[in-house]
Amino acid sequence: FMRRPLDVQETLDLYEARVAVERECL
């Protein structure tokens, strides 16, 4: 096992995807 790296760009990408999905849900 490895401690998952902290990646700023991955975070931005994931939250961008979350906004898109939750907007459509809303």
mmCIF file of all heavy atoms, coordinates in Angstrom:
data_MODEL
# 
_entry.id   MODEL 
# 
loop_
_atom_site.group_PDB 
_atom_site.id 
_atom_site.type_symbol 
_atom_site.label_atom_id 
_atom_site.label_alt_id 
_atom_site.label_comp_id 
_atom_site.label_asym_id 
_atom_site.label_entity_id 
_atom_site.label_seq_id 
_atom_site.pdbx_PDB_ins_code 
_atom_site.Cartn_x 
_atom_site.Cartn_y 
_atom_site.Cartn_z 
_atom_site.occupancy 
_atom_site.B_iso_or_equiv 
_atom_site.pdbx_formal_charge 
_atom_site.auth_seq_id 
_atom_site.auth_comp_id 
_atom_site.auth_asym_id 
_atom_site.auth_atom_id 
_atom_site.pdbx_PDB_model_num 
ATOM 1   N N   . PHE A 1 1  ? 0.832   -1.192 0.000   1.00 0.00 ? 1  PHE A N   1 
ATOM 2   C CA  . PHE A 1 1  ? 0.000   0.000  0.000   1.00 0.00 ? 1  PHE A CA  1 
ATOM 3   C C   . PHE A 1 1  ? 0.871   1.247  0.000   1.00 0.00 ? 1  PHE A C   1 
ATOM 4   O O   . PHE A 1 1  ? 2.002   1.242  0.474   1.00 0.00 ? 1  PHE A O   1 
ATOM 5   C CB  . PHE A 1 1  ? -0.910  0.031  1.232   1.00 0.00 ? 1  PHE A CB  1 
ATOM 6   C CG  . PHE A 1 1  ? -1.828  -1.154 1.338   1.00 0.00 ? 1  PHE A CG  1 
ATOM 7   C CD1 . PHE A 1 1  ? -1.456  -2.281 2.063   1.00 0.00 ? 1  PHE A CD1 1 
ATOM 8   C CD2 . PHE A 1 1  ? -3.067  -1.155 0.717   1.00 0.00 ? 1  PHE A CD2 1 
ATOM 9   C CE1 . PHE A 1 1  ? -2.290  -3.373 2.167   1.00 0.00 ? 1  PHE A CE1 1 
ATOM 10  C CE2 . PHE A 1 1  ? -3.915  -2.243 0.811   1.00 0.00 ? 1  PHE A CE2 1 
ATOM 11  C CZ  . PHE A 1 1  ? -3.530  -3.355 1.540   1.00 0.00 ? 1  PHE A CZ  1 
ATOM 12  N N   . MET A 1 2  ? 0.274   2.338  -0.497  1.00 0.00 ? 2  MET A N   1 
ATOM 13  C CA  . MET A 1 2  ? 0.959   3.619  -0.519  1.00 0.00 ? 2  MET A CA  1 
ATOM 14  C C   . MET A 1 2  ? -0.039  4.705  -0.140  1.00 0.00 ? 2  MET A C   1 
ATOM 15  O O   . MET A 1 2  ? -1.213  4.655  -0.527  1.00 0.00 ? 2  MET A O   1 
ATOM 16  C CB  . MET A 1 2  ? 1.523   3.895  -1.919  1.00 0.00 ? 2  MET A CB  1 
ATOM 17  C CG  . MET A 1 2  ? 2.249   5.232  -2.048  1.00 0.00 ? 2  MET A CG  1 
ATOM 18  S SD  . MET A 1 2  ? 3.001   5.434  -3.698  1.00 0.00 ? 2  MET A SD  1 
ATOM 19  C CE  . MET A 1 2  ? 1.514   5.731  -4.683  1.00 0.00 ? 2  MET A CE  1 
ATOM 20  N N   . ARG A 1 3  ? 0.428   5.656  0.670   1.00 0.00 ? 3  ARG A N   1 
ATOM 21  C CA  . ARG A 1 3  ? -0.415  6.823  0.973   1.00 0.00 ? 3  ARG A CA  1 
ATOM 22  C C   . ARG A 1 3  ? -0.670  7.561  -0.320  1.00 0.00 ? 3  ARG A C   1 
ATOM 23  O O   . ARG A 1 3  ? 0.244   7.891  -1.051  1.00 0.00 ? 3  ARG A O   1 
ATOM 24  C CB  . ARG A 1 3  ? 0.301   7.739  1.977   1.00 0.00 ? 3  ARG A CB  1 
ATOM 25  C CG  . ARG A 1 3  ? -0.401  9.083  2.233   1.00 0.00 ? 3  ARG A CG  1 
ATOM 26  C CD  . ARG A 1 3  ? -1.735  8.893  2.926   1.00 0.00 ? 3  ARG A CD  1 
ATOM 27  N NE  . ARG A 1 3  ? -2.310  10.162 3.355   1.00 0.00 ? 3  ARG A NE  1 
ATOM 28  C CZ  . ARG A 1 3  ? -3.195  10.873 2.646   1.00 0.00 ? 3  ARG A CZ  1 
ATOM 29  N NH1 . ARG A 1 3  ? -3.608  10.435 1.472   1.00 0.00 ? 3  ARG A NH1 1 
ATOM 30  N NH2 . ARG A 1 3  ? -3.682  11.998 3.116   1.00 0.00 ? 3  ARG A NH2 1 
ATOM 31  N N   . ARG A 1 4  ? -1.942  7.787  -0.606  1.00 0.00 ? 4  ARG A N   1 
ATOM 32  C CA  . ARG A 1 4  ? -2.308  8.413  -1.866  1.00 0.00 ? 4  ARG A CA  1 
ATOM 33  C C   . ARG A 1 4  ? -1.682  9.800  -1.960  1.00 0.00 ? 4  ARG A C   1 
ATOM 34  O O   . ARG A 1 4  ? -1.798  10.610 -1.035  1.00 0.00 ? 4  ARG A O   1 
ATOM 35  C CB  . ARG A 1 4  ? -3.825  8.526  -1.957  1.00 0.00 ? 4  ARG A CB  1 
ATOM 36  C CG  . ARG A 1 4  ? -4.333  9.093  -3.268  1.00 0.00 ? 4  ARG A CG  1 
ATOM 37  C CD  . ARG A 1 4  ? -5.837  9.017  -3.314  1.00 0.00 ? 4  ARG A CD  1 
ATOM 38  N NE  . ARG A 1 4  ? -6.373  9.618  -4.511  1.00 0.00 ? 4  ARG A NE  1 
ATOM 39  C CZ  . ARG A 1 4  ? -7.667  9.644  -4.813  1.00 0.00 ? 4  ARG A CZ  1 
ATOM 40  N NH1 . ARG A 1 4  ? -8.532  9.066  -3.991  1.00 0.00 ? 4  ARG A NH1 1 
ATOM 41  N NH2 . ARG A 1 4  ? -8.092  10.215 -5.913  1.00 0.00 ? 4  ARG A NH2 1 
ATOM 42  N N   . PRO A 1 5  ? -1.027  10.108 -3.070  1.00 0.00 ? 5  PRO A N   1 
ATOM 43  C CA  . PRO A 1 5  ? -0.430  11.450 -3.223  1.00 0.00 ? 5  PRO A CA  1 
ATOM 44  C C   . PRO A 1 5  ? -1.513  12.524 -3.225  1.00 0.00 ? 5  PRO A C   1 
ATOM 45  O O   . PRO A 1 5  ? -2.642  12.289 -3.663  1.00 0.00 ? 5  PRO A O   1 
ATOM 46  C CB  . PRO A 1 5  ? 0.269   11.379 -4.588  1.00 0.00 ? 5  PRO A CB  1 
ATOM 47  C CG  . PRO A 1 5  ? 0.472   9.919  -4.848  1.00 0.00 ? 5  PRO A CG  1 
ATOM 48  C CD  . PRO A 1 5  ? -0.714  9.229  -4.208  1.00 0.00 ? 5  PRO A CD  1 
ATOM 49  N N   . LEU A 1 6  ? -1.159  13.697 -2.719  1.00 0.00 ? 6  LEU A N   1 
ATOM 50  C CA  . LEU A 1 6  ? -2.063  14.835 -2.778  1.00 0.00 ? 6  LEU A CA  1 
ATOM 51  C C   . LEU A 1 6  ? -1.772  15.580 -4.074  1.00 0.00 ? 6  LEU A C   1 
ATOM 52  O O   . LEU A 1 6  ? -0.646  16.023 -4.304  1.00 0.00 ? 6  LEU A O   1 
ATOM 53  C CB  . LEU A 1 6  ? -1.842  15.755 -1.570  1.00 0.00 ? 6  LEU A CB  1 
ATOM 54  C CG  . LEU A 1 6  ? -2.212  15.177 -0.208  1.00 0.00 ? 6  LEU A CG  1 
ATOM 55  C CD1 . LEU A 1 6  ? -1.830  16.145 0.904   1.00 0.00 ? 6  LEU A CD1 1 
ATOM 56  C CD2 . LEU A 1 6  ? -3.687  14.844 -0.136  1.00 0.00 ? 6  LEU A CD2 1 
ATOM 57  N N   . ASP A 1 7  ? -2.756  15.697 -4.917  1.00 0.00 ? 7  ASP A N   1 
ATOM 58  C CA  . ASP A 1 7  ? -2.576  16.290 -6.234  1.00 0.00 ? 7  ASP A CA  1 
ATOM 59  C C   . ASP A 1 7  ? -3.613  17.397 -6.428  1.00 0.00 ? 7  ASP A C   1 
ATOM 60  O O   . ASP A 1 7  ? -4.819  17.120 -6.460  1.00 0.00 ? 7  ASP A O   1 
ATOM 61  C CB  . ASP A 1 7  ? -2.731  15.213 -7.308  1.00 0.00 ? 7  ASP A CB  1 
ATOM 62  C CG  . ASP A 1 7  ? -2.380  15.723 -8.697  1.00 0.00 ? 7  ASP A CG  1 
ATOM 63  O OD1 . ASP A 1 7  ? -3.040  16.676 -9.151  1.00 0.00 ? 7  ASP A OD1 1 
ATOM 64  O OD2 . ASP A 1 7  ? -1.461  15.172 -9.323  1.00 0.00 ? 7  ASP A OD2 1 
ATOM 65  N N   . VAL A 1 8  ? -3.147  18.625 -6.535  1.00 0.00 ? 8  VAL A N   1 
ATOM 66  C CA  . VAL A 1 8  ? -4.061  19.757 -6.654  1.00 0.00 ? 8  VAL A CA  1 
ATOM 67  C C   . VAL A 1 8  ? -4.891  19.656 -7.925  1.00 0.00 ? 8  VAL A C   1 
ATOM 68  O O   . VAL A 1 8  ? -6.107  19.865 -7.908  1.00 0.00 ? 8  VAL A O   1 
ATOM 69  C CB  . VAL A 1 8  ? -3.288  21.092 -6.615  1.00 0.00 ? 8  VAL A CB  1 
ATOM 70  C CG1 . VAL A 1 8  ? -4.230  22.265 -6.891  1.00 0.00 ? 8  VAL A CG1 1 
ATOM 71  C CG2 . VAL A 1 8  ? -2.614  21.271 -5.260  1.00 0.00 ? 8  VAL A CG2 1 
ATOM 72  N N   . GLN A 1 9  ? -4.263  19.319 -9.062  1.00 0.00 ? 9  GLN A N   1 
ATOM 73  C CA  . GLN A 1 9  ? -5.000  19.267 -10.324 1.00 0.00 ? 9  GLN A CA  1 
ATOM 74  C C   . GLN A 1 9  ? -6.055  18.165 -10.307 1.00 0.00 ? 9  GLN A C   1 
ATOM 75  O O   . GLN A 1 9  ? -7.165  18.345 -10.817 1.00 0.00 ? 9  GLN A O   1 
ATOM 76  C CB  . GLN A 1 9  ? -4.040  19.046 -11.500 1.00 0.00 ? 9  GLN A CB  1 
ATOM 77  C CG  . GLN A 1 9  ? -4.719  19.148 -12.867 1.00 0.00 ? 9  GLN A CG  1 
ATOM 78  C CD  . GLN A 1 9  ? -5.428  20.486 -13.060 1.00 0.00 ? 9  GLN A CD  1 
ATOM 79  O OE1 . GLN A 1 9  ? -4.832  21.545 -12.871 1.00 0.00 ? 9  GLN A OE1 1 
ATOM 80  N NE2 . GLN A 1 9  ? -6.715  20.448 -13.412 1.00 0.00 ? 9  GLN A NE2 1 
ATOM 81  N N   . GLU A 1 10 ? -5.722  17.020 -9.719  1.00 0.00 ? 10 GLU A N   1 
ATOM 82  C CA  . GLU A 1 10 ? -6.711  15.945 -9.615  1.00 0.00 ? 10 GLU A CA  1 
ATOM 83  C C   . GLU A 1 10 ? -7.910  16.414 -8.795  1.00 0.00 ? 10 GLU A C   1 
ATOM 84  O O   . GLU A 1 10 ? -9.065  16.112 -9.125  1.00 0.00 ? 10 GLU A O   1 
ATOM 85  C CB  . GLU A 1 10 ? -6.093  14.702 -8.985  1.00 0.00 ? 10 GLU A CB  1 
ATOM 86  C CG  . GLU A 1 10 ? -7.081  13.547 -8.849  1.00 0.00 ? 10 GLU A CG  1 
ATOM 87  C CD  . GLU A 1 10 ? -6.517  12.366 -8.075  1.00 0.00 ? 10 GLU A CD  1 
ATOM 88  O OE1 . GLU A 1 10 ? -5.576  12.563 -7.282  1.00 0.00 ? 10 GLU A OE1 1 
ATOM 89  O OE2 . GLU A 1 10 ? -7.026  11.251 -8.260  1.00 0.00 ? 10 GLU A OE2 1 
ATOM 90  N N   . THR A 1 11 ? -7.639  17.146 -7.725  1.00 0.00 ? 11 THR A N   1 
ATOM 91  C CA  . THR A 1 11 ? -8.717  17.675 -6.898  1.00 0.00 ? 11 THR A CA  1 
ATOM 92  C C   . THR A 1 11 ? -9.617  18.604 -7.695  1.00 0.00 ? 11 THR A C   1 
ATOM 93  O O   . THR A 1 11 ? -10.850 18.511 -7.640  1.00 0.00 ? 11 THR A O   1 
ATOM 94  C CB  . THR A 1 11 ? -8.125  18.441 -5.697  1.00 0.00 ? 11 THR A CB  1 
ATOM 95  O OG1 . THR A 1 11 ? -7.365  17.540 -4.892  1.00 0.00 ? 11 THR A OG1 1 
ATOM 96  C CG2 . THR A 1 11 ? -9.227  19.064 -4.845  1.00 0.00 ? 11 THR A CG2 1 
ATOM 97  N N   . LEU A 1 12 ? -9.017  19.492 -8.467  1.00 0.00 ? 12 LEU A N   1 
ATOM 98  C CA  . LEU A 1 12 ? -9.791  20.423 -9.279  1.00 0.00 ? 12 LEU A CA  1 
ATOM 99  C C   . LEU A 1 12 ? -10.632 19.672 -10.308 1.00 0.00 ? 12 LEU A C   1 
ATOM 100 O O   . LEU A 1 12 ? -11.796 20.005 -10.548 1.00 0.00 ? 12 LEU A O   1 
ATOM 101 C CB  . LEU A 1 12 ? -8.861  21.415 -9.978  1.00 0.00 ? 12 LEU A CB  1 
ATOM 102 C CG  . LEU A 1 12 ? -8.053  22.335 -9.050  1.00 0.00 ? 12 LEU A CG  1 
ATOM 103 C CD1 . LEU A 1 12 ? -7.111  23.207 -9.867  1.00 0.00 ? 12 LEU A CD1 1 
ATOM 104 C CD2 . LEU A 1 12 ? -8.969  23.207 -8.191  1.00 0.00 ? 12 LEU A CD2 1 
ATOM 105 N N   . ASP A 1 13 ? -10.046 18.640 -10.920 1.00 0.00 ? 13 ASP A N   1 
ATOM 106 C CA  . ASP A 1 13 ? -10.771 17.849 -11.922 1.00 0.00 ? 13 ASP A CA  1 
ATOM 107 C C   . ASP A 1 13 ? -11.961 17.126 -11.304 1.00 0.00 ? 13 ASP A C   1 
ATOM 108 O O   . ASP A 1 13 ? -13.068 17.101 -11.871 1.00 0.00 ? 13 ASP A O   1 
ATOM 109 C CB  . ASP A 1 13 ? -9.833  16.830 -12.573 1.00 0.00 ? 13 ASP A CB  1 
ATOM 110 C CG  . ASP A 1 13 ? -8.789  17.471 -13.470 1.00 0.00 ? 13 ASP A CG  1 
ATOM 111 O OD1 . ASP A 1 13 ? -8.935  18.669 -13.792 1.00 0.00 ? 13 ASP A OD1 1 
ATOM 112 O OD2 . ASP A 1 13 ? -7.821  16.786 -13.838 1.00 0.00 ? 13 ASP A OD2 1 
ATOM 113 N N   . LEU A 1 14 ? -11.745 16.513 -10.142 1.00 0.00 ? 14 LEU A N   1 
ATOM 114 C CA  . LEU A 1 14 ? -12.813 15.761 -9.488  1.00 0.00 ? 14 LEU A CA  1 
ATOM 115 C C   . LEU A 1 14 ? -13.970 16.682 -9.093  1.00 0.00 ? 14 LEU A C   1 
ATOM 116 O O   . LEU A 1 14 ? -15.153 16.336 -9.276  1.00 0.00 ? 14 LEU A O   1 
ATOM 117 C CB  . LEU A 1 14 ? -12.281 15.037 -8.255  1.00 0.00 ? 14 LEU A CB  1 
ATOM 118 C CG  . LEU A 1 14 ? -11.419 13.792 -8.510  1.00 0.00 ? 14 LEU A CG  1 
ATOM 119 C CD1 . LEU A 1 14 ? -10.731 13.349 -7.234  1.00 0.00 ? 14 LEU A CD1 1 
ATOM 120 C CD2 . LEU A 1 14 ? -12.283 12.654 -9.063  1.00 0.00 ? 14 LEU A CD2 1 
ATOM 121 N N   . TYR A 1 15 ? -13.644 17.845 -8.567  1.00 0.00 ? 15 TYR A N   1 
ATOM 122 C CA  . TYR A 1 15 ? -14.701 18.759 -8.148  1.00 0.00 ? 15 TYR A CA  1 
ATOM 123 C C   . TYR A 1 15 ? -15.399 19.403 -9.338  1.00 0.00 ? 15 TYR A C   1 
ATOM 124 O O   . TYR A 1 15 ? -16.588 19.719 -9.267  1.00 0.00 ? 15 TYR A O   1 
ATOM 125 C CB  . TYR A 1 15 ? -14.149 19.811 -7.168  1.00 0.00 ? 15 TYR A CB  1 
ATOM 126 C CG  . TYR A 1 15 ? -14.227 19.335 -5.742  1.00 0.00 ? 15 TYR A CG  1 
ATOM 127 C CD1 . TYR A 1 15 ? -13.320 18.412 -5.245  1.00 0.00 ? 15 TYR A CD1 1 
ATOM 128 C CD2 . TYR A 1 15 ? -15.246 19.763 -4.900  1.00 0.00 ? 15 TYR A CD2 1 
ATOM 129 C CE1 . TYR A 1 15 ? -13.411 17.934 -3.951  1.00 0.00 ? 15 TYR A CE1 1 
ATOM 130 C CE2 . TYR A 1 15 ? -15.351 19.303 -3.602  1.00 0.00 ? 15 TYR A CE2 1 
ATOM 131 C CZ  . TYR A 1 15 ? -14.427 18.387 -3.129  1.00 0.00 ? 15 TYR A CZ  1 
ATOM 132 O OH  . TYR A 1 15 ? -14.543 17.916 -1.851  1.00 0.00 ? 15 TYR A OH  1 
ATOM 133 N N   . GLU A 1 16 ? -14.680 19.582 -10.432 1.00 0.00 ? 16 GLU A N   1 
ATOM 134 C CA  . GLU A 1 16 ? -15.324 20.066 -11.655 1.00 0.00 ? 16 GLU A CA  1 
ATOM 135 C C   . GLU A 1 16 ? -16.356 19.048 -12.144 1.00 0.00 ? 16 GLU A C   1 
ATOM 136 O O   . GLU A 1 16 ? -17.465 19.415 -12.557 1.00 0.00 ? 16 GLU A O   1 
ATOM 137 C CB  . GLU A 1 16 ? -14.264 20.319 -12.725 1.00 0.00 ? 16 GLU A CB  1 
ATOM 138 C CG  . GLU A 1 16 ? -14.765 21.042 -13.956 1.00 0.00 ? 16 GLU A CG  1 
ATOM 139 C CD  . GLU A 1 16 ? -13.634 21.401 -14.897 1.00 0.00 ? 16 GLU A CD  1 
ATOM 140 O OE1 . GLU A 1 16 ? -13.168 20.513 -15.639 1.00 0.00 ? 16 GLU A OE1 1 
ATOM 141 O OE2 . GLU A 1 16 ? -13.192 22.559 -14.869 1.00 0.00 ? 16 GLU A OE2 1 
ATOM 142 N N   . ALA A 1 17 ? -15.985 17.776 -12.099 1.00 0.00 ? 17 ALA A N   1 
ATOM 143 C CA  . ALA A 1 17 ? -16.917 16.719 -12.487 1.00 0.00 ? 17 ALA A CA  1 
ATOM 144 C C   . ALA A 1 17 ? -18.097 16.660 -11.525 1.00 0.00 ? 17 ALA A C   1 
ATOM 145 O O   . ALA A 1 17 ? -19.250 16.468 -11.938 1.00 0.00 ? 17 ALA A O   1 
ATOM 146 C CB  . ALA A 1 17 ? -16.191 15.369 -12.521 1.00 0.00 ? 17 ALA A CB  1 
ATOM 147 N N   . ARG A 1 18 ? -17.823 16.846 -10.248 1.00 0.00 ? 18 ARG A N   1 
ATOM 148 C CA  . ARG A 1 18 ? -18.898 16.817 -9.253  1.00 0.00 ? 18 ARG A CA  1 
ATOM 149 C C   . ARG A 1 18 ? -19.894 17.943 -9.498  1.00 0.00 ? 18 ARG A C   1 
ATOM 150 O O   . ARG A 1 18 ? -21.120 17.733 -9.406  1.00 0.00 ? 18 ARG A O   1 
ATOM 151 C CB  . ARG A 1 18 ? -18.303 16.934 -7.844  1.00 0.00 ? 18 ARG A CB  1 
ATOM 152 C CG  . ARG A 1 18 ? -19.361 16.903 -6.752  1.00 0.00 ? 18 ARG A CG  1 
ATOM 153 C CD  . ARG A 1 18 ? -18.779 17.185 -5.390  1.00 0.00 ? 18 ARG A CD  1 
ATOM 154 N NE  . ARG A 1 18 ? -19.848 17.445 -4.441  1.00 0.00 ? 18 ARG A NE  1 
ATOM 155 C CZ  . ARG A 1 18 ? -19.675 18.008 -3.237  1.00 0.00 ? 18 ARG A CZ  1 
ATOM 156 N NH1 . ARG A 1 18 ? -18.461 18.345 -2.838  1.00 0.00 ? 18 ARG A NH1 1 
ATOM 157 N NH2 . ARG A 1 18 ? -20.694 18.222 -2.446  1.00 0.00 ? 18 ARG A NH2 1 
ATOM 158 N N   . VAL A 1 19 ? -19.403 19.143 -9.813  1.00 0.00 ? 19 VAL A N   1 
ATOM 159 C CA  . VAL A 1 19 ? -20.297 20.265 -10.103 1.00 0.00 ? 19 VAL A CA  1 
ATOM 160 C C   . VAL A 1 19 ? -21.210 19.915 -11.267 1.00 0.00 ? 19 VAL A C   1 
ATOM 161 O O   . VAL A 1 19 ? -22.427 20.154 -11.222 1.00 0.00 ? 19 VAL A O   1 
ATOM 162 C CB  . VAL A 1 19 ? -19.491 21.544 -10.414 1.00 0.00 ? 19 VAL A CB  1 
ATOM 163 C CG1 . VAL A 1 19 ? -20.416 22.619 -10.998 1.00 0.00 ? 19 VAL A CG1 1 
ATOM 164 C CG2 . VAL A 1 19 ? -18.826 22.078 -9.153  1.00 0.00 ? 19 VAL A CG2 1 
ATOM 165 N N   . ALA A 1 20 ? -20.643 19.330 -12.318 1.00 0.00 ? 20 ALA A N   1 
ATOM 166 C CA  . ALA A 1 20 ? -21.437 18.995 -13.507 1.00 0.00 ? 20 ALA A CA  1 
ATOM 167 C C   . ALA A 1 20 ? -22.543 17.990 -13.171 1.00 0.00 ? 20 ALA A C   1 
ATOM 168 O O   . ALA A 1 20 ? -23.698 18.153 -13.585 1.00 0.00 ? 20 ALA A O   1 
ATOM 169 C CB  . ALA A 1 20 ? -20.525 18.439 -14.597 1.00 0.00 ? 20 ALA A CB  1 
ATOM 170 N N   . VAL A 1 21 ? -22.190 16.943 -12.421 1.00 0.00 ? 21 VAL A N   1 
ATOM 171 C CA  . VAL A 1 21 ? -23.168 15.911 -12.077 1.00 0.00 ? 21 VAL A CA  1 
ATOM 172 C C   . VAL A 1 21 ? -24.244 16.467 -11.145 1.00 0.00 ? 21 VAL A C   1 
ATOM 173 O O   . VAL A 1 21 ? -25.445 16.244 -11.351 1.00 0.00 ? 21 VAL A O   1 
ATOM 174 C CB  . VAL A 1 21 ? -22.465 14.699 -11.425 1.00 0.00 ? 21 VAL A CB  1 
ATOM 175 C CG1 . VAL A 1 21 ? -23.490 13.722 -10.860 1.00 0.00 ? 21 VAL A CG1 1 
ATOM 176 C CG2 . VAL A 1 21 ? -21.579 13.992 -12.440 1.00 0.00 ? 21 VAL A CG2 1 
ATOM 177 N N   . GLU A 1 22 ? -23.835 17.217 -10.124 1.00 0.00 ? 22 GLU A N   1 
ATOM 178 C CA  . GLU A 1 22 ? -24.818 17.713 -9.161  1.00 0.00 ? 22 GLU A CA  1 
ATOM 179 C C   . GLU A 1 22 ? -25.710 18.802 -9.757  1.00 0.00 ? 22 GLU A C   1 
ATOM 180 O O   . GLU A 1 22 ? -26.880 18.945 -9.372  1.00 0.00 ? 22 GLU A O   1 
ATOM 181 C CB  . GLU A 1 22 ? -24.115 18.197 -7.891  1.00 0.00 ? 22 GLU A CB  1 
ATOM 182 C CG  . GLU A 1 22 ? -23.478 17.064 -7.087  1.00 0.00 ? 22 GLU A CG  1 
ATOM 183 C CD  . GLU A 1 22 ? -23.523 17.301 -5.599  1.00 0.00 ? 22 GLU A CD  1 
ATOM 184 O OE1 . GLU A 1 22 ? -24.555 17.795 -5.093  1.00 0.00 ? 22 GLU A OE1 1 
ATOM 185 O OE2 . GLU A 1 22 ? -22.514 16.992 -4.942  1.00 0.00 ? 22 GLU A OE2 1 
ATOM 186 N N   . ARG A 1 23 ? -25.179 19.580 -10.680 1.00 0.00 ? 23 ARG A N   1 
ATOM 187 C CA  . ARG A 1 23 ? -26.040 20.555 -11.357 1.00 0.00 ? 23 ARG A CA  1 
ATOM 188 C C   . ARG A 1 23 ? -27.170 19.867 -12.120 1.00 0.00 ? 23 ARG A C   1 
ATOM 189 O O   . ARG A 1 23 ? -28.322 20.307 -12.080 1.00 0.00 ? 23 ARG A O   1 
ATOM 190 C CB  . ARG A 1 23 ? -25.205 21.396 -12.332 1.00 0.00 ? 23 ARG A CB  1 
ATOM 191 C CG  . ARG A 1 23 ? -24.533 22.618 -11.731 1.00 0.00 ? 23 ARG A CG  1 
ATOM 192 C CD  . ARG A 1 23 ? -23.732 23.318 -12.805 1.00 0.00 ? 23 ARG A CD  1 
ATOM 193 N NE  . ARG A 1 23 ? -23.097 24.518 -12.302 1.00 0.00 ? 23 ARG A NE  1 
ATOM 194 C CZ  . ARG A 1 23 ? -22.129 25.168 -12.956 1.00 0.00 ? 23 ARG A CZ  1 
ATOM 195 N NH1 . ARG A 1 23 ? -21.703 24.700 -14.128 1.00 0.00 ? 23 ARG A NH1 1 
ATOM 196 N NH2 . ARG A 1 23 ? -21.595 26.257 -12.452 1.00 0.00 ? 23 ARG A NH2 1 
ATOM 197 N N   . GLU A 1 24 ? -26.821 18.787 -12.818 1.00 0.00 ? 24 GLU A N   1 
ATOM 198 C CA  . GLU A 1 24 ? -27.844 18.069 -13.571 1.00 0.00 ? 24 GLU A CA  1 
ATOM 199 C C   . GLU A 1 24 ? -28.835 17.398 -12.622 1.00 0.00 ? 24 GLU A C   1 
ATOM 200 O O   . GLU A 1 24 ? -30.049 17.385 -12.885 1.00 0.00 ? 24 GLU A O   1 
ATOM 201 C CB  . GLU A 1 24 ? -27.205 17.029 -14.491 1.00 0.00 ? 24 GLU A CB  1 
ATOM 202 C CG  . GLU A 1 24 ? -28.182 16.277 -15.381 1.00 0.00 ? 24 GLU A CG  1 
ATOM 203 C CD  . GLU A 1 24 ? -28.957 17.185 -16.328 1.00 0.00 ? 24 GLU A CD  1 
ATOM 204 O OE1 . GLU A 1 24 ? -28.554 18.358 -16.520 1.00 0.00 ? 24 GLU A OE1 1 
ATOM 205 O OE2 . GLU A 1 24 ? -29.979 16.732 -16.882 1.00 0.00 ? 24 GLU A OE2 1 
ATOM 206 N N   . CYS A 1 25 ? -28.344 16.851 -11.524 1.00 0.00 ? 25 CYS A N   1 
ATOM 207 C CA  . CYS A 1 25 ? -29.246 16.280 -10.516 1.00 0.00 ? 25 CYS A CA  1 
ATOM 208 C C   . CYS A 1 25 ? -30.208 17.350 -10.008 1.00 0.00 ? 25 CYS A C   1 
ATOM 209 O O   . CYS A 1 25 ? -31.418 17.110 -9.855  1.00 0.00 ? 25 CYS A O   1 
ATOM 210 C CB  . CYS A 1 25 ? -28.445 15.715 -9.345  1.00 0.00 ? 25 CYS A CB  1 
ATOM 211 S SG  . CYS A 1 25 ? -27.595 14.164 -9.680  1.00 0.00 ? 25 CYS A SG  1 
ATOM 212 N N   . LEU A 1 26 ? -29.675 18.529 -9.742  1.00 0.00 ? 26 LEU A N   1 
ATOM 213 C CA  . LEU A 1 26 ? -30.502 19.608 -9.217  1.00 0.00 ? 26 LEU A CA  1 
ATOM 214 C C   . LEU A 1 26 ? -31.533 20.069 -10.251 1.00 0.00 ? 26 LEU A C   1 
ATOM 215 O O   . LEU A 1 26 ? -32.693 20.336 -9.908  1.00 0.00 ? 26 LEU A O   1 
ATOM 216 C CB  . LEU A 1 26 ? -29.617 20.788 -8.803  1.00 0.00 ? 26 LEU A CB  1 
ATOM 217 C CG  . LEU A 1 26 ? -30.307 21.931 -8.059  1.00 0.00 ? 26 LEU A CG  1 
ATOM 218 C CD1 . LEU A 1 26 ? -30.800 21.436 -6.696  1.00 0.00 ? 26 LEU A CD1 1 
ATOM 219 C CD2 . LEU A 1 26 ? -29.362 23.108 -7.874  1.00 0.00 ? 26 LEU A CD2 1 
# 
